[in-house]
Amino acid sequence: MESTGKLWGGRFSGSTDPVMEKFNASIEIDKRLCFVDIKGSIAYAKGLQKLNLLKEEEHRMILDGLRQIEEEWRNGQFVIKEFDEDVHTANERRLKELVGPIAGKLHTGRSRNDQIATDIRIWLKSALDQLKPLILSVIDVLLHRAEREIGIIMPGYTHLQRDAERLQGLATRVNILPLGSGALAGNAFGIDRKFLASELNFSEVSGNSLDATSDRDFIAEFLFWATLVMTHTSKISEDLILYNSKEFEFIEFADAYSTGSSLMPQKKNPDSVELIRGKTGRVFGNCCALLMVLKGLPSTYNKDLQEDKVPMFDTFDTVTGILKIMHGVFSTLKVNEKEMKSALNLEMLATDLAYYLVKKGIPFREAHSMAGQVVQIAETSKCKLNQIDLKSLQGISKIFTEDVSEVWNYRNSVEQYTSIGGTSTKSILDQIDRLKEWIVKQTDGTYVIPTD
């Protein structure tokens, strides 16, 4: 390593333009990887010691130095210097300050290409572990609200279960170790990659070194997953914003998740869900940004991939915050049953009238037409559907009898949908039970709702 601290300066005689120095540096972004970078280096040092490429004392000194650097980062005492272009350079420079030239042995057979690919995977594995209980907590609070308000007719949501299932599939594809792939051709010293995988808790190692150092599909998949989560939470947010409006007033947000107006004192704005809806475009943009980086790259590492971390970090932070807010919103949401009930309209039961006729043997298309004629009579007479007398109904079909009055009951309407996924009380309770069992399976029975 040359005096400037660069890891690559040996073949250069001229200095780097200061503008280029700043343009090339990523330390302010990737310093977030400081701990996983050290974790990977500790495992790699152990692998080198197994090969006798590090003496026992050298190995001990390097591990002690790395652990001291870890503490400095943790305590906010690590000093980033001018030529620390990335977190790898910073950690290696500091290690050399602590243990001397033997720090250079740590990079034996290792490239920053497989080093950063490993760091990102370790970080993202942990990030997915943090996101899983958050999304399960939103599903859980929806289930509890569904149980509590089971007698109230209101919208239901199912998208988030699929999001949690997709997250689990993504986690298996992140869980592949690239360390030991070198720059692109592998490791010339026979490093035990399965040992490294065991040390770093990866389930398998990558099978192709060229692909391993350049592969960012797992980040693209994470960003796509996050975009779907945001799409679903945005749709839910739009429903809540609409139902919270003065035109509906079906629900009311708690003060904890609302803000006011600087001009209109009467305003109570649902800014929590409006921000969720607004931030969806940001996450979608992050996904597009990475795909645009990847689309023109050859099949190995290129510096373009430095741009993979900004969208990944930003998306994780955004989705983490949104899932916490969504949990809080649903935990504290007030449901106005009276307003929902007053909004019910007998015209909503026109389809039930057609079903009534179908159950008496009328083909559905014919029943549909007859129900339409009943609606037309109500509109012409300016009366409600249940106010049309039996004689008028029998003018359309003699099939109508006194029992038609049972159609004009909202609870009967809801309870008739008894199939799986329907709106009857039994069907909803079955859905709740199945989802509760599903949540337990996702966590091996250890699930606890996050409280912070």
Foldseek 3Di string as FASTA:
>chain_A
DDPLLDPPCPVDDDDDDPVVLVVQADAVQQVVLLVLLLLLLLLLLVLCVVLVLAPPVLNVLLNVQSVVCVVCVVVVNQDDDSNCRHSNSSSLVSSCVRRNPSSVSSCAQADVLLSVLQSVLLVVLVLLVLVLLLLLLLVVLLLVVCVVVVVFDDDHDDQSVVLNVLSVVLSLVSLEHLTQLHQFNGGPSPGDVVSSSVSSVGPYYDDGSLQSSADPVSLLSVLVSLLSVLVRLLVVLVVVQVCVDPVQVQKHWDLVQWDADPPDRVDTHNVLSVVSNVCSVVSVVLSVVVCVLPPPDPRHDDSSCSVSRVSSVVSSVSSSVSSVSSSVRSNGMGGDRVSSVVPDAQVVLLLVQLVVVVVVPDPSVLSNVLSVVLVVVCVVVVHGSLPDDPVVSCVSPVSDDPVSNVSSDVLVVQQVQPDQPGRRSVNSVVVSVVSVVVSCVVPVNPRDNDDD
